[in-house]
C-alpha atoms as a PDB file:
ATOM      1  CA  MET A   1      21.680-128.097-289.581  1.00  0.00           C
ATOM      2  CA  ALA A   2      21.850-124.385-290.390  1.00  0.00           C
ATOM      3  CA  GLN A   3      19.004-122.023-289.575  1.00  0.00           C
ATOM      4  CA  LYS A   4      17.349-119.930-292.256  1.00  0.00           C
ATOM      5  CA  LYS A   5      17.687-116.148-292.086  1.00  0.00           C
ATOM      6  CA  SER A   6      14.845-113.765-292.698  1.00  0.00           C
ATOM      7  CA  ALA A   7      15.073-109.990-293.141  1.00  0.00           C
ATOM      8  CA  LEU A   8      12.861-107.423-291.449  1.00  0.00           C
ATOM      9  CA  ALA A   9      11.879-104.588-293.810  1.00  0.00           C
ATOM     10  CA  CYS A  10      10.504-101.179-292.847  1.00  0.00           C
ATOM     11  CA  THR A  11       6.908-100.718-294.029  1.00  0.00           C
ATOM     12  CA  VAL A  12       7.414 -96.972-294.615  1.00  0.00           C
ATOM     13  CA  CYS A  13      10.617 -96.798-296.690  1.00  0.00           C
ATOM     14  CA  GLY A  14      11.097-100.499-297.538  1.00  0.00           C
ATOM     15  CA  SER A  15      14.708-100.766-296.373  1.00  0.00           C
ATOM     16  CA  ARG A  16      15.809-104.085-294.890  1.00  0.00           C
ATOM     17  CA  ASN A  17      17.413-103.048-291.601  1.00  0.00           C
ATOM     18  CA  TYR A  18      17.357-106.192-289.460  1.00  0.00           C
ATOM     19  CA  SER A  19      17.872-109.929-289.922  1.00  0.00           C
ATOM     20  CA  LYS A  20      16.509-112.760-287.801  1.00  0.00           C
ATOM     21  CA  ALA A  21      17.127-116.503-287.648  1.00  0.00           C
ATOM     22  CA  VAL A  22      13.876-118.423-288.176  1.00  0.00           C
ATOM     23  CA  SER A  23      12.941-122.069-287.810  1.00  0.00           C
ATOM     24  CA  ASP A  24      11.100-124.249-290.332  1.00  0.00           C
ATOM     25  CA  SER A  25       7.934-124.379-288.258  1.00  0.00           C
ATOM     26  CA  GLN A  26       4.486-124.162-289.835  1.00  0.00           C
ATOM     27  CA  ARG A  27       3.764-120.452-289.410  1.00  0.00           C
ATOM     28  CA  THR A  28       1.032-118.836-291.480  1.00  0.00           C
ATOM     29  CA  GLU A  29       1.655-115.198-290.581  1.00  0.00           C
ATOM     30  CA  ARG A  30       4.763-113.105-291.051  1.00  0.00           C
ATOM     31  CA  LEU A  31       6.426-111.491-288.071  1.00  0.00           C
ATOM     32  CA  GLU A  32       5.606-107.806-287.430  1.00  0.00           C
ATOM     33  CA  VAL A  33       7.733-105.866-284.938  1.00  0.00           C
ATOM     34  CA  LYS A  34       7.925-102.159-284.165  1.00  0.00           C
ATOM     35  CA  LYS A  35      11.625-101.242-284.453  1.00  0.00           C
ATOM     36  CA  PHE A  36      13.752 -98.154-285.095  1.00  0.00           C
ATOM     37  CA  CYS A  37      14.502 -97.357-288.749  1.00  0.00           C
ATOM     38  CA  LYS A  38      17.722 -95.404-289.200  1.00  0.00           C
ATOM     39  CA  TYR A  39      16.580 -94.075-292.586  1.00  0.00           C
ATOM     40  CA  CYS A  40      13.177 -92.783-291.408  1.00  0.00           C
ATOM     41  CA  LYS A  41      14.720 -91.801-288.044  1.00  0.00           C
ATOM     42  CA  LYS A  42      11.680 -93.046-286.105  1.00  0.00           C
ATOM     43  CA  HIS A  43      10.069 -96.232-284.797  1.00  0.00           C
ATOM     44  CA  THR A  44       8.062 -97.972-287.534  1.00  0.00           C
ATOM     45  CA  VAL A  45       6.530-101.392-288.097  1.00  0.00           C
ATOM     46  CA  HIS A  46       8.942-103.865-289.688  1.00  0.00           C
ATOM     47  CA  LYS A  47       7.590-106.950-291.490  1.00  0.00           C
ATOM     48  CA  GLU A  48       9.379-110.223-292.142  1.00  0.00           C
ATOM     49  CA  THR A  49      10.513-110.754-295.752  1.00  0.00           C
ATOM     50  CA  LYS A  50      12.062-113.743-297.482  1.00  0.00           C
END
């Protein structure tokens, strides 16, 4: 069975820089991680998108 992929988007500029494999568990909140955005050229919060 293949895993679903989810993108991580920068909250400042909105670009989708990272992708992550996610499971079909019953999560209510989206993942938020502080990562480097190559377009903003700084560390920003990235939120999980569909």
